[in-house]
Amino acid sequence: MLAFSFTVPSTSFALRAFGPYTIGVGRAAIAALLAVAALRLTRAARPRGTQWISLAVVAGGIVFGFPVLSTLALSHGSSASHAAVVTGLLPITTAAFGTLRAWGRWGVATGVERERPSWAFWVASVAGAACIVAFTLRNGPGRFSVADVFLFGALVTAGLGYAEGGRLARDMPGRAVVSWALVLAAPITLPVTAVLLVAEPPRWNGPAVAGLAYLAVVSMFLGFFAWYAGMARAGVARASQVQLAQPLLTLLWSWLLLGEHAGPSTVVAAAGVLVCVLFAQRARVLRDMTPSSTIRRTVSQEGVSQSPVSRRGAVDG
């Protein structure tokens, strides 16, 4: 979260010289080059079968969806502070997608553990989301602006990409998940970036280049090494609630780096979000084993003769 908390301020710096589409797609194109090097150095195994489909979902969320839509939101008048607080909705979207994904038919087929967030967990998540929605309406014209529509679209796509990546990180290292997703998207991001550099000619300056470099190297690449690894260990739903602390950090960087002063409503909303994340972290997230995992556990603990398959084989024999 510390790495991702600089994303919005870095995007604001990058917009001083680059077009929004160049930033949204270009950061992924640069990161794809780093991903190729990382995969070669680590000799990462190639994804197999349905893992490619999961990687396509990850790419759609974190390579195209969130980067492009969040940049468009900032280019349409949203301040970094406003965007920071709205991104507090990301935990509940990630948790929701993670829960739905794990309880789906495909999740059962892969034999992963299924998370069952408690009612207290969901109450805390919804309360945090309510704080952010109220803040958005309070600090706007009483309705959602175009920038807010882009922000909410970014949150939905990011939540899906985060949840699917966290699930996939149980089968491969987190660094491999983001690297293969970037490589999978490279046939689109690389040529599109070249075209956008012509269509949106940049006005080169130091802060903007530094902002784009941070987006590409950290927000789009290195930050996901730790993020996906943590989600694989803690579970998607519980790990997602750590994201509620991100608005507080982003507000701090927006004040220090961009000179944006947070008003009373911003501070109240951020404090409310912090209380919700603390409560959510104390709420239980239960894990159920899928049928396939239960069978494997029975086999290992009681012997092959106790499993349904072996019993049927004994009767048939």
C-alpha atoms as a PDB file:
ATOM      1  CA  MET A   1       0.000   0.000   0.000  1.00  0.00           C
ATOM      2  CA  LEU A   2       2.909   2.318   0.625  1.00  0.00           C
ATOM      3  CA  ALA A   3       4.036   1.817  -2.965  1.00  0.00           C
ATOM      4  CA  PHE A   4       0.532   2.327  -4.375  1.00  0.00           C
ATOM      5  CA  SER A   5      -0.184   5.382  -2.215  1.00  0.00           C
ATOM      6  CA  PHE A   6       2.086   7.486  -4.448  1.00  0.00           C
ATOM      7  CA  THR A   7       0.175   6.509  -7.609  1.00  0.00           C
ATOM      8  CA  VAL A   8      -2.332   9.384  -7.671  1.00  0.00           C
ATOM      9  CA  PRO A   9       0.214  12.162  -6.923  1.00  0.00           C
ATOM     10  CA  SER A  10       2.588  10.651  -9.496  1.00  0.00           C
ATOM     11  CA  THR A  11      -0.206  10.678 -12.074  1.00  0.00           C
ATOM     12  CA  SER A  12      -0.834  14.367 -11.327  1.00  0.00           C
ATOM     13  CA  PHE A  13       2.839  15.111 -12.003  1.00  0.00           C
ATOM     14  CA  ALA A  14       2.836  13.058 -15.204  1.00  0.00           C
ATOM     15  CA  LEU A  15      -0.222  14.928 -16.534  1.00  0.00           C
ATOM     16  CA  ARG A  16       1.872  18.106 -16.639  1.00  0.00           C
ATOM     17  CA  ALA A  17       3.627  16.791 -19.732  1.00  0.00           C
ATOM     18  CA  PHE A  18       1.858  13.676 -21.037  1.00  0.00           C
ATOM     19  CA  GLY A  19      -1.645  13.015 -22.305  1.00  0.00           C
ATOM     20  CA  PRO A  20      -3.942  10.866 -20.147  1.00  0.00           C
ATOM     21  CA  TYR A  21      -4.038   7.959 -22.591  1.00  0.00           C
ATOM     22  CA  THR A  22      -0.255   8.051 -22.988  1.00  0.00           C
ATOM     23  CA  ILE A  23       0.118   7.779 -19.230  1.00  0.00           C
ATOM     24  CA  GLY A  24      -2.508   5.077 -18.833  1.00  0.00           C
ATOM     25  CA  VAL A  25      -1.107   2.812 -21.548  1.00  0.00           C
ATOM     26  CA  GLY A  26       2.527   3.943 -21.597  1.00  0.00           C
ATOM     27  CA  ARG A  27       3.192   2.991 -17.994  1.00  0.00           C
ATOM     28  CA  ALA A  28       2.232  -0.593 -18.844  1.00  0.00           C
ATOM     29  CA  ALA A  29       4.391  -0.590 -21.978  1.00  0.00           C
ATOM     30  CA  ILE A  30       7.456   0.465 -19.973  1.00  0.00           C
ATOM     31  CA  ALA A  31       6.673  -2.058 -17.247  1.00  0.00           C
ATOM     32  CA  ALA A  32       6.313  -4.806 -19.871  1.00  0.00           C
ATOM     33  CA  LEU A  33       9.971  -4.376 -20.804  1.00  0.00           C
ATOM     34  CA  LEU A  34      10.925  -4.808 -17.146  1.00  0.00           C
ATOM     35  CA  ALA A  35       8.647  -7.838 -16.933  1.00  0.00           C
ATOM     36  CA  VAL A  36      10.398  -9.574 -19.835  1.00  0.00           C
ATOM     37  CA  ALA A  37      13.752  -9.083 -18.121  1.00  0.00           C
ATOM     38  CA  ALA A  38      12.395 -10.330 -14.780  1.00  0.00           C
ATOM     39  CA  LEU A  39      10.886 -13.471 -16.329  1.00  0.00           C
ATOM     40  CA  ARG A  40      14.145 -14.308 -18.091  1.00  0.00           C
ATOM     41  CA  LEU A  41      16.284 -13.694 -15.006  1.00  0.00           C
ATOM     42  CA  THR A  42      14.073 -15.816 -12.754  1.00  0.00           C
ATOM     43  CA  ARG A  43      13.465 -18.455 -15.438  1.00  0.00           C
ATOM     44  CA  ALA A  44       9.781 -18.359 -14.596  1.00  0.00           C
ATOM     45  CA  ALA A  45       7.650 -21.265 -15.777  1.00  0.00           C
ATOM     46  CA  ARG A  46       5.169 -20.516 -18.524  1.00  0.00           C
ATOM     47  CA  PRO A  47       1.509 -20.332 -17.467  1.00  0.00           C
ATOM     48  CA  ARG A  48      -0.634 -23.321 -18.361  1.00  0.00           C
ATOM     49  CA  GLY A  49      -4.184 -23.798 -19.546  1.00  0.00           C
ATOM     50  CA  THR A  50      -6.743 -21.652 -17.747  1.00  0.00           C
ATOM     51  CA  GLN A  51      -3.995 -19.613 -16.090  1.00  0.00           C
ATOM     52  CA  TRP A  52      -3.806 -17.617 -19.327  1.00  0.00           C
ATOM     53  CA  ILE A  53      -7.481 -16.706 -18.959  1.00  0.00           C
ATOM     54  CA  SER A  54      -6.868 -15.523 -15.403  1.00  0.00           C
ATOM     55  CA  LEU A  55      -3.900 -13.479 -16.591  1.00  0.00           C
ATOM     56  CA  ALA A  56      -6.114 -11.862 -19.236  1.00  0.00           C
ATOM     57  CA  VAL A  57      -8.532 -10.834 -16.478  1.00  0.00           C
ATOM     58  CA  VAL A  58      -5.640  -9.436 -14.433  1.00  0.00           C
ATOM     59  CA  ALA A  59      -4.369  -7.501 -17.450  1.00  0.00           C
ATOM     60  CA  GLY A  60      -7.819  -6.081 -18.150  1.00  0.00           C
ATOM     61  CA  GLY A  61      -8.034  -4.769 -14.597  1.00  0.00           C
ATOM     62  CA  ILE A  62      -4.567  -3.558 -13.625  1.00  0.00           C
ATOM     63  CA  VAL A  63      -2.970  -2.928 -17.037  1.00  0.00           C
ATOM     64  CA  PHE A  64      -5.830  -1.234 -18.887  1.00  0.00           C
ATOM     65  CA  GLY A  65      -8.807  -0.550 -16.599  1.00  0.00           C
ATOM     66  CA  PHE A  66      -7.474   1.211 -13.518  1.00  0.00           C
ATOM     67  CA  PRO A  67      -4.501   3.044 -15.087  1.00  0.00           C
ATOM     68  CA  VAL A  68      -6.492   4.555 -17.967  1.00  0.00           C
ATOM     69  CA  LEU A  69      -9.686   5.352 -16.057  1.00  0.00           C
ATOM     70  CA  SER A  70      -7.954   6.844 -13.009  1.00  0.00           C
ATOM     71  CA  THR A  71      -5.799   9.049 -15.239  1.00  0.00           C
ATOM     72  CA  LEU A  72      -8.884  10.212 -17.126  1.00  0.00           C
ATOM     73  CA  ALA A  73     -10.521  11.082 -13.794  1.00  0.00           C
ATOM     74  CA  LEU A  74      -7.608  13.312 -12.831  1.00  0.00           C
ATOM     75  CA  SER A  75      -7.540  14.908 -16.278  1.00  0.00           C
ATOM     76  CA  HIS A  76     -11.279  15.716 -15.939  1.00  0.00           C
ATOM     77  CA  GLY A  77     -10.867  17.860 -12.851  1.00  0.00           C
ATOM     78  CA  SER A  78     -10.620  15.457  -9.926  1.00  0.00           C
ATOM     79  CA  SER A  79      -8.006  16.530  -7.398  1.00  0.00           C
ATOM     80  CA  ALA A  80      -5.508  14.042  -6.057  1.00  0.00           C
ATOM     81  CA  SER A  81      -7.045  14.362  -2.572  1.00  0.00           C
ATOM     82  CA  HIS A  82     -10.553  13.680  -3.878  1.00  0.00           C
ATOM     83  CA  ALA A  83      -9.373  10.671  -5.878  1.00  0.00           C
ATOM     84  CA  ALA A  84      -7.458   9.397  -2.853  1.00  0.00           C
ATOM     85  CA  VAL A  85     -10.560   9.239  -0.681  1.00  0.00           C
ATOM     86  CA  VAL A  86     -12.724   7.717  -3.418  1.00  0.00           C
ATOM     87  CA  THR A  87     -10.177   4.925  -3.883  1.00  0.00           C
ATOM     88  CA  GLY A  88     -11.137   3.816  -0.381  1.00  0.00           C
ATOM     89  CA  LEU A  89     -13.945   1.910  -2.106  1.00  0.00           C
ATOM     90  CA  LEU A  90     -11.369  -0.449  -3.601  1.00  0.00           C
ATOM     91  CA  PRO A  91     -11.275  -2.862  -0.624  1.00  0.00           C
ATOM     92  CA  ILE A  92     -14.951  -3.723  -0.811  1.00  0.00           C
ATOM     93  CA  THR A  93     -14.848  -4.245  -4.584  1.00  0.00           C
ATOM     94  CA  THR A  94     -11.763  -6.446  -4.232  1.00  0.00           C
ATOM     95  CA  ALA A  95     -13.310  -8.442  -1.391  1.00  0.00           C
ATOM     96  CA  ALA A  96     -16.566  -8.878  -3.299  1.00  0.00           C
ATOM     97  CA  PHE A  97     -14.852 -10.077  -6.463  1.00  0.00           C
ATOM     98  CA  GLY A  98     -12.560 -12.341  -4.452  1.00  0.00           C
ATOM     99  CA  THR A  99     -15.476 -13.965  -2.632  1.00  0.00           C
ATOM    100  CA  LEU A 100     -17.580 -14.424  -5.760  1.00  0.00           C
ATOM    101  CA  ARG A 101     -14.611 -15.757  -7.705  1.00  0.00           C
ATOM    102  CA  ALA A 102     -13.629 -18.296  -5.049  1.00  0.00           C
ATOM    103  CA  TRP A 103     -17.170 -19.649  -4.729  1.00  0.00           C
ATOM    104  CA  GLY A 104     -17.617 -20.038  -8.461  1.00  0.00           C
ATOM    105  CA  ARG A 105     -17.494 -23.311 -10.362  1.00  0.00           C
ATOM    106  CA  TRP A 106     -14.001 -22.560 -11.642  1.00  0.00           C
ATOM    107  CA  GLY A 107     -12.685 -21.904  -8.132  1.00  0.00           C
ATOM    108  CA  VAL A 108     -13.951 -25.308  -6.984  1.00  0.00           C
ATOM    109  CA  ALA A 109     -12.285 -27.020  -9.938  1.00  0.00           C
ATOM    110  CA  THR A 110      -8.868 -25.637  -9.006  1.00  0.00           C
ATOM    111  CA  GLY A 111      -9.174 -26.866  -5.419  1.00  0.00           C
ATOM    112  CA  VAL A 112      -8.416 -23.538  -3.697  1.00  0.00           C
ATOM    113  CA  GLU A 113      -9.650 -22.555  -0.254  1.00  0.00           C
ATOM    114  CA  ARG A 114     -12.871 -20.592  -0.259  1.00  0.00           C
ATOM    115  CA  GLU A 115     -13.165 -17.530   1.965  1.00  0.00           C
ATOM    116  CA  ARG A 116     -16.315 -16.811   3.962  1.00  0.00           C
ATOM    117  CA  PRO A 117     -16.097 -13.258   5.325  1.00  0.00           C
ATOM    118  CA  SER A 118     -18.154 -12.766   8.478  1.00  0.00           C
ATOM    119  CA  TRP A 119     -21.063 -10.332   8.788  1.00  0.00           C
ATOM    120  CA  ALA A 120     -18.861  -8.048  10.892  1.00  0.00           C
ATOM    121  CA  PHE A 121     -16.333  -7.980   8.091  1.00  0.00           C
ATOM    122  CA  TRP A 122     -18.938  -6.911   5.541  1.00  0.00           C
ATOM    123  CA  VAL A 123     -20.480  -4.352   7.897  1.00  0.00           C
ATOM    124  CA  ALA A 124     -17.088  -2.702   8.333  1.00  0.00           C
ATOM    125  CA  SER A 125     -16.482  -2.759   4.586  1.00  0.00           C
ATOM    126  CA  VAL A 126     -19.872  -1.266   3.733  1.00  0.00           C
ATOM    127  CA  ALA A 127     -19.438   1.384   6.434  1.00  0.00           C
ATOM    128  CA  GLY A 128     -16.121   2.406   4.911  1.00  0.00           C
ATOM    129  CA  ALA A 129     -17.711   2.555   1.481  1.00  0.00           C
ATOM    130  CA  ALA A 130     -20.574   4.670   2.856  1.00  0.00           C
ATOM    131  CA  CYS A 131     -18.102   7.170   4.301  1.00  0.00           C
ATOM    132  CA  ILE A 132     -16.507   7.584   0.887  1.00  0.00           C
ATOM    133  CA  VAL A 133     -19.785   7.915  -1.014  1.00  0.00           C
ATOM    134  CA  ALA A 134     -20.974  10.552   1.453  1.00  0.00           C
ATOM    135  CA  PHE A 135     -17.676  12.377   1.078  1.00  0.00           C
ATOM    136  CA  THR A 136     -17.943  12.312  -2.716  1.00  0.00           C
ATOM    137  CA  LEU A 137     -21.456  13.768  -2.703  1.00  0.00           C
ATOM    138  CA  ARG A 138     -20.614  16.292   0.027  1.00  0.00           C
ATOM    139  CA  ASN A 139     -17.590  17.679  -1.806  1.00  0.00           C
ATOM    140  CA  GLY A 140     -19.206  17.780  -5.237  1.00  0.00           C
ATOM    141  CA  PRO A 141     -22.288  19.451  -6.672  1.00  0.00           C
ATOM    142  CA  GLY A 142     -24.509  16.935  -4.874  1.00  0.00           C
ATOM    143  CA  ARG A 143     -24.104  14.355  -7.615  1.00  0.00           C
ATOM    144  CA  PHE A 144     -21.402  12.270  -9.199  1.00  0.00           C
ATOM    145  CA  SER A 145     -19.275  14.120 -11.729  1.00  0.00           C
ATOM    146  CA  VAL A 146     -17.711  12.703 -14.888  1.00  0.00           C
ATOM    147  CA  ALA A 147     -14.458  12.332 -12.973  1.00  0.00           C
ATOM    148  CA  ASP A 148     -16.266  10.293 -10.298  1.00  0.00           C
ATOM    149  CA  VAL A 149     -17.712   7.994 -12.974  1.00  0.00           C
ATOM    150  CA  PHE A 150     -14.177   7.350 -14.238  1.00  0.00           C
ATOM    151  CA  LEU A 151     -12.976   6.759 -10.675  1.00  0.00           C
ATOM    152  CA  PHE A 152     -15.699   4.247  -9.901  1.00  0.00           C
ATOM    153  CA  GLY A 153     -15.006   2.463 -13.183  1.00  0.00           C
ATOM    154  CA  ALA A 154     -11.341   2.323 -12.219  1.00  0.00           C
ATOM    155  CA  LEU A 155     -12.250   0.848  -8.843  1.00  0.00           C
ATOM    156  CA  VAL A 156     -14.379  -1.924 -10.344  1.00  0.00           C
ATOM    157  CA  THR A 157     -11.732  -2.974 -12.857  1.00  0.00           C
ATOM    158  CA  ALA A 158      -8.950  -2.766 -10.277  1.00  0.00           C
ATOM    159  CA  GLY A 159     -10.949  -4.828  -7.782  1.00  0.00           C
ATOM    160  CA  LEU A 160     -11.426  -7.557 -10.366  1.00  0.00           C
ATOM    161  CA  GLY A 161      -7.746  -7.484 -11.366  1.00  0.00           C
ATOM    162  CA  TYR A 162      -6.585  -7.534  -7.747  1.00  0.00           C
ATOM    163  CA  ALA A 163      -8.875 -10.397  -6.749  1.00  0.00           C
ATOM    164  CA  GLU A 164      -8.010 -12.564  -9.748  1.00  0.00           C
ATOM    165  CA  GLY A 165      -4.311 -11.858  -9.339  1.00  0.00           C
ATOM    166  CA  GLY A 166      -4.433 -12.710  -5.643  1.00  0.00           C
ATOM    167  CA  ARG A 167      -6.140 -16.011  -6.443  1.00  0.00           C
ATOM    168  CA  LEU A 168      -3.616 -16.814  -9.168  1.00  0.00           C
ATOM    169  CA  ALA A 169      -0.715 -15.979  -6.836  1.00  0.00           C
ATOM    170  CA  ARG A 170      -1.531 -19.173  -4.935  1.00  0.00           C
ATOM    171  CA  ASP A 171      -0.311 -21.123  -7.959  1.00  0.00           C
ATOM    172  CA  MET A 172       2.642 -18.976  -9.037  1.00  0.00           C
ATOM    173  CA  PRO A 173       4.829 -16.259  -7.459  1.00  0.00           C
ATOM    174  CA  GLY A 174       3.266 -12.807  -7.240  1.00  0.00           C
ATOM    175  CA  ARG A 175       6.047 -11.339  -9.372  1.00  0.00           C
ATOM    176  CA  ALA A 176       5.252 -13.869 -12.098  1.00  0.00           C
ATOM    177  CA  VAL A 177       1.545 -12.961 -12.053  1.00  0.00           C
ATOM    178  CA  VAL A 178       2.082  -9.280 -12.799  1.00  0.00           C
ATOM    179  CA  SER A 179       4.978  -9.992 -15.180  1.00  0.00           C
ATOM    180  CA  TRP A 180       3.012 -12.424 -17.347  1.00  0.00           C
ATOM    181  CA  ALA A 181      -0.019 -10.099 -17.327  1.00  0.00           C
ATOM    182  CA  LEU A 182       2.159  -7.254 -18.624  1.00  0.00           C
ATOM    183  CA  VAL A 183       3.749  -9.469 -21.262  1.00  0.00           C
ATOM    184  CA  LEU A 184       0.323 -10.717 -22.353  1.00  0.00           C
ATOM    185  CA  ALA A 185      -0.811  -7.114 -22.861  1.00  0.00           C
ATOM    186  CA  ALA A 186       2.448  -5.977 -24.513  1.00  0.00           C
ATOM    187  CA  PRO A 187       1.295  -6.609 -28.137  1.00  0.00           C
ATOM    188  CA  ILE A 188      -1.311  -3.908 -27.459  1.00  0.00           C
ATOM    189  CA  THR A 189       0.440  -1.530 -25.081  1.00  0.00           C
ATOM    190  CA  LEU A 190       3.724  -1.166 -26.992  1.00  0.00           C
ATOM    191  CA  PRO A 191       2.369  -0.144 -30.430  1.00  0.00           C
ATOM    192  CA  VAL A 192      -0.473   1.904 -28.919  1.00  0.00           C
ATOM    193  CA  THR A 193       2.026   3.852 -26.806  1.00  0.00           C
ATOM    194  CA  ALA A 194       4.089   4.647 -29.901  1.00  0.00           C
ATOM    195  CA  VAL A 195       0.972   5.983 -31.651  1.00  0.00           C
ATOM    196  CA  LEU A 196      -0.118   7.989 -28.594  1.00  0.00           C
ATOM    197  CA  LEU A 197       3.265   9.684 -28.290  1.00  0.00           C
ATOM    198  CA  VAL A 198       2.579  11.125 -31.745  1.00  0.00           C
ATOM    199  CA  ALA A 199      -1.101  11.872 -31.148  1.00  0.00           C
ATOM    200  CA  GLU A 200      -0.466  13.403 -27.698  1.00  0.00           C
ATOM    201  CA  PRO A 201       2.971  15.063 -28.066  1.00  0.00           C
ATOM    202  CA  PRO A 202       4.579  15.310 -24.612  1.00  0.00           C
ATOM    203  CA  ARG A 203       5.975  18.523 -23.156  1.00  0.00           C
ATOM    204  CA  TRP A 204       9.013  17.048 -21.476  1.00  0.00           C
ATOM    205  CA  ASN A 205       9.921  18.204 -17.978  1.00  0.00           C
ATOM    206  CA  GLY A 206      11.614  16.616 -14.982  1.00  0.00           C
ATOM    207  CA  PRO A 207       8.671  16.191 -12.552  1.00  0.00           C
ATOM    208  CA  ALA A 208       6.437  14.712 -15.261  1.00  0.00           C
ATOM    209  CA  VAL A 209       9.083  12.205 -16.361  1.00  0.00           C
ATOM    210  CA  ALA A 210       9.712  11.260 -12.721  1.00  0.00           C
ATOM    211  CA  GLY A 211       5.982  10.772 -12.202  1.00  0.00           C
ATOM    212  CA  LEU A 212       5.649   8.515 -15.246  1.00  0.00           C
ATOM    213  CA  ALA A 213       8.755   6.571 -14.224  1.00  0.00           C
ATOM    214  CA  TYR A 214       7.282   5.911 -10.783  1.00  0.00           C
ATOM    215  CA  LEU A 215       3.991   4.773 -12.295  1.00  0.00           C
ATOM    216  CA  ALA A 216       5.751   2.341 -14.621  1.00  0.00           C
ATOM    217  CA  VAL A 217       8.416   0.929 -12.309  1.00  0.00           C
ATOM    218  CA  VAL A 218       6.670   0.902  -8.927  1.00  0.00           C
ATOM    219  CA  SER A 219       2.885   1.286  -9.312  1.00  0.00           C
ATOM    220  CA  MET A 220       2.681  -0.945 -12.375  1.00  0.00           C
ATOM    221  CA  PHE A 221       5.390  -3.471 -11.559  1.00  0.00           C
ATOM    222  CA  LEU A 222       7.343  -3.717  -8.291  1.00  0.00           C
ATOM    223  CA  GLY A 223       4.409  -2.862  -6.039  1.00  0.00           C
ATOM    224  CA  PHE A 224       2.533  -5.940  -7.233  1.00  0.00           C
ATOM    225  CA  PHE A 225       5.382  -8.244  -6.195  1.00  0.00           C
ATOM    226  CA  ALA A 226       4.505  -7.688  -2.538  1.00  0.00           C
ATOM    227  CA  TRP A 227       0.774  -7.105  -3.076  1.00  0.00           C
ATOM    228  CA  TYR A 228      -0.042 -10.369  -4.818  1.00  0.00           C
ATOM    229  CA  ALA A 229       2.249 -12.354  -2.519  1.00  0.00           C
ATOM    230  CA  GLY A 230       0.476 -10.873   0.508  1.00  0.00           C
ATOM    231  CA  MET A 231      -2.975 -11.601  -0.926  1.00  0.00           C
ATOM    232  CA  ALA A 232      -2.011 -15.220  -1.542  1.00  0.00           C
ATOM    233  CA  ARG A 233      -0.979 -15.618   2.098  1.00  0.00           C
ATOM    234  CA  ALA A 234      -3.687 -13.619   3.879  1.00  0.00           C
ATOM    235  CA  GLY A 235      -6.591 -14.291   1.527  1.00  0.00           C
ATOM    236  CA  VAL A 236      -8.117 -11.839  -0.923  1.00  0.00           C
ATOM    237  CA  ALA A 237     -10.918 -10.574   1.311  1.00  0.00           C
ATOM    238  CA  ARG A 238      -8.829  -9.884   4.403  1.00  0.00           C
ATOM    239  CA  ALA A 239      -5.825  -8.496   2.536  1.00  0.00           C
ATOM    240  CA  SER A 240      -8.049  -6.162   0.543  1.00  0.00           C
ATOM    241  CA  GLN A 241      -9.032  -4.274   3.698  1.00  0.00           C
ATOM    242  CA  VAL A 242      -5.459  -3.030   4.086  1.00  0.00           C
ATOM    243  CA  GLN A 243      -6.271  -0.833   1.082  1.00  0.00           C
ATOM    244  CA  LEU A 244      -8.515   1.288   3.301  1.00  0.00           C
ATOM    245  CA  ALA A 245      -5.338   2.815   4.723  1.00  0.00           C
ATOM    246  CA  GLN A 246      -4.215   3.929   1.268  1.00  0.00           C
ATOM    247  CA  PRO A 247      -6.344   7.126   1.151  1.00  0.00           C
ATOM    248  CA  LEU A 248      -4.700   8.399   4.330  1.00  0.00           C
ATOM    249  CA  LEU A 249      -1.227   7.970   2.883  1.00  0.00           C
ATOM    250  CA  THR A 250      -2.217   9.464  -0.470  1.00  0.00           C
ATOM    251  CA  LEU A 251      -3.736  12.498   1.269  1.00  0.00           C
ATOM    252  CA  LEU A 252      -0.439  13.007   3.065  1.00  0.00           C
ATOM    253  CA  TRP A 253       1.596  12.825  -0.152  1.00  0.00           C
ATOM    254  CA  SER A 254      -0.887  15.110  -1.950  1.00  0.00           C
ATOM    255  CA  TRP A 255      -0.366  17.715   0.750  1.00  0.00           C
ATOM    256  CA  LEU A 256       3.424  17.391   0.864  1.00  0.00           C
ATOM    257  CA  LEU A 257       4.084  17.019  -2.880  1.00  0.00           C
ATOM    258  CA  LEU A 258       1.212  18.902  -4.539  1.00  0.00           C
ATOM    259  CA  GLY A 259       0.307  21.440  -1.891  1.00  0.00           C
ATOM    260  CA  GLU A 260      -3.315  20.265  -1.719  1.00  0.00           C
ATOM    261  CA  HIS A 261      -4.849  21.122   1.632  1.00  0.00           C
ATOM    262  CA  ALA A 262      -7.349  18.673   3.047  1.00  0.00           C
ATOM    263  CA  GLY A 263     -10.544  20.281   4.352  1.00  0.00           C
ATOM    264  CA  PRO A 264     -12.456  19.162   7.479  1.00  0.00           C
ATOM    265  CA  SER A 265     -14.740  16.842   5.488  1.00  0.00           C
ATOM    266  CA  THR A 266     -11.718  15.134   3.928  1.00  0.00           C
ATOM    267  CA  VAL A 267     -10.135  14.561   7.330  1.00  0.00           C
ATOM    268  CA  VAL A 268     -13.409  13.240   8.786  1.00  0.00           C
ATOM    269  CA  ALA A 269     -13.928  10.869   5.855  1.00  0.00           C
ATOM    270  CA  ALA A 270     -10.358   9.619   6.058  1.00  0.00           C
ATOM    271  CA  ALA A 271     -10.659   9.077   9.821  1.00  0.00           C
ATOM    272  CA  GLY A 272     -13.906   7.168   9.316  1.00  0.00           C
ATOM    273  CA  VAL A 273     -12.216   4.943   6.756  1.00  0.00           C
ATOM    274  CA  LEU A 274      -9.357   4.264   9.164  1.00  0.00           C
ATOM    275  CA  VAL A 275     -11.784   3.161  11.902  1.00  0.00           C
ATOM    276  CA  CYS A 276     -13.486   0.827   9.435  1.00  0.00           C
ATOM    277  CA  VAL A 277     -10.237  -0.808   8.370  1.00  0.00           C
ATOM    278  CA  LEU A 278      -9.225  -1.416  11.974  1.00  0.00           C
ATOM    279  CA  PHE A 279     -12.598  -3.030  12.682  1.00  0.00           C
ATOM    280  CA  ALA A 280     -12.490  -5.083   9.482  1.00  0.00           C
ATOM    281  CA  GLN A 281      -9.043  -6.412  10.323  1.00  0.00           C
ATOM    282  CA  ARG A 282     -10.388  -7.752  13.630  1.00  0.00           C
ATOM    283  CA  ALA A 283     -13.361  -9.439  11.969  1.00  0.00           C
ATOM    284  CA  ARG A 284     -12.950 -13.111  11.117  1.00  0.00           C
ATOM    285  CA  VAL A 285     -12.637 -14.417   7.577  1.00  0.00           C
ATOM    286  CA  LEU A 286     -13.316 -18.140   7.629  1.00  0.00           C
ATOM    287  CA  ARG A 287     -11.912 -20.505   5.050  1.00  0.00           C
ATOM    288  CA  ASP A 288     -13.684 -23.571   3.734  1.00  0.00           C
ATOM    289  CA  MET A 289     -11.874 -26.264   1.862  1.00  0.00           C
ATOM    290  CA  THR A 290     -13.318 -27.178  -1.527  1.00  0.00           C
ATOM    291  CA  PRO A 291     -14.499 -30.759  -2.092  1.00  0.00           C
ATOM    292  CA  SER A 292     -11.344 -31.616  -4.012  1.00  0.00           C
ATOM    293  CA  SER A 293      -9.158 -30.308  -1.191  1.00  0.00           C
ATOM    294  CA  THR A 294     -11.200 -32.227   1.386  1.00  0.00           C
ATOM    295  CA  ILE A 295     -10.662 -35.469  -0.509  1.00  0.00           C
ATOM    296  CA  ARG A 296      -6.920 -34.858  -0.674  1.00  0.00           C
ATOM    297  CA  ARG A 297      -6.817 -34.111   3.053  1.00  0.00           C
ATOM    298  CA  THR A 298      -8.772 -37.309   3.823  1.00  0.00           C
ATOM    299  CA  VAL A 299      -6.380 -39.342   1.706  1.00  0.00           C
ATOM    300  CA  SER A 300      -3.305 -37.942   3.417  1.00  0.00           C
ATOM    301  CA  GLN A 301      -4.678 -38.371   6.946  1.00  0.00           C
ATOM    302  CA  GLU A 302      -6.684 -41.623   6.789  1.00  0.00           C
ATOM    303  CA  GLY A 303      -5.218 -43.486   3.868  1.00  0.00           C
ATOM    304  CA  VAL A 304      -6.347 -44.059   0.330  1.00  0.00           C
ATOM    305  CA  SER A 305      -8.896 -46.697   1.380  1.00  0.00           C
ATOM    306  CA  GLN A 306     -10.942 -44.004   3.196  1.00  0.00           C
ATOM    307  CA  SER A 307     -11.463 -41.735   0.181  1.00  0.00           C
ATOM    308  CA  PRO A 308     -14.701 -41.946  -1.848  1.00  0.00           C
ATOM    309  CA  VAL A 309     -12.793 -42.965  -4.943  1.00  0.00           C
ATOM    310  CA  SER A 310     -10.899 -45.796  -3.271  1.00  0.00           C
ATOM    311  CA  ARG A 311     -14.033 -47.118  -1.537  1.00  0.00           C
ATOM    312  CA  ARG A 312     -15.816 -47.275  -4.871  1.00  0.00           C
ATOM    313  CA  GLY A 313     -12.826 -49.043  -6.353  1.00  0.00           C
ATOM    314  CA  ALA A 314     -12.853 -51.600  -3.548  1.00  0.00           C
ATOM    315  CA  VAL A 315     -16.530 -52.352  -4.074  1.00  0.00           C
ATOM    316  CA  ASP A 316     -16.083 -52.625  -7.841  1.00  0.00           C
ATOM    317  CA  GLY A 317     -13.158 -54.951  -7.330  1.00  0.00           C
END
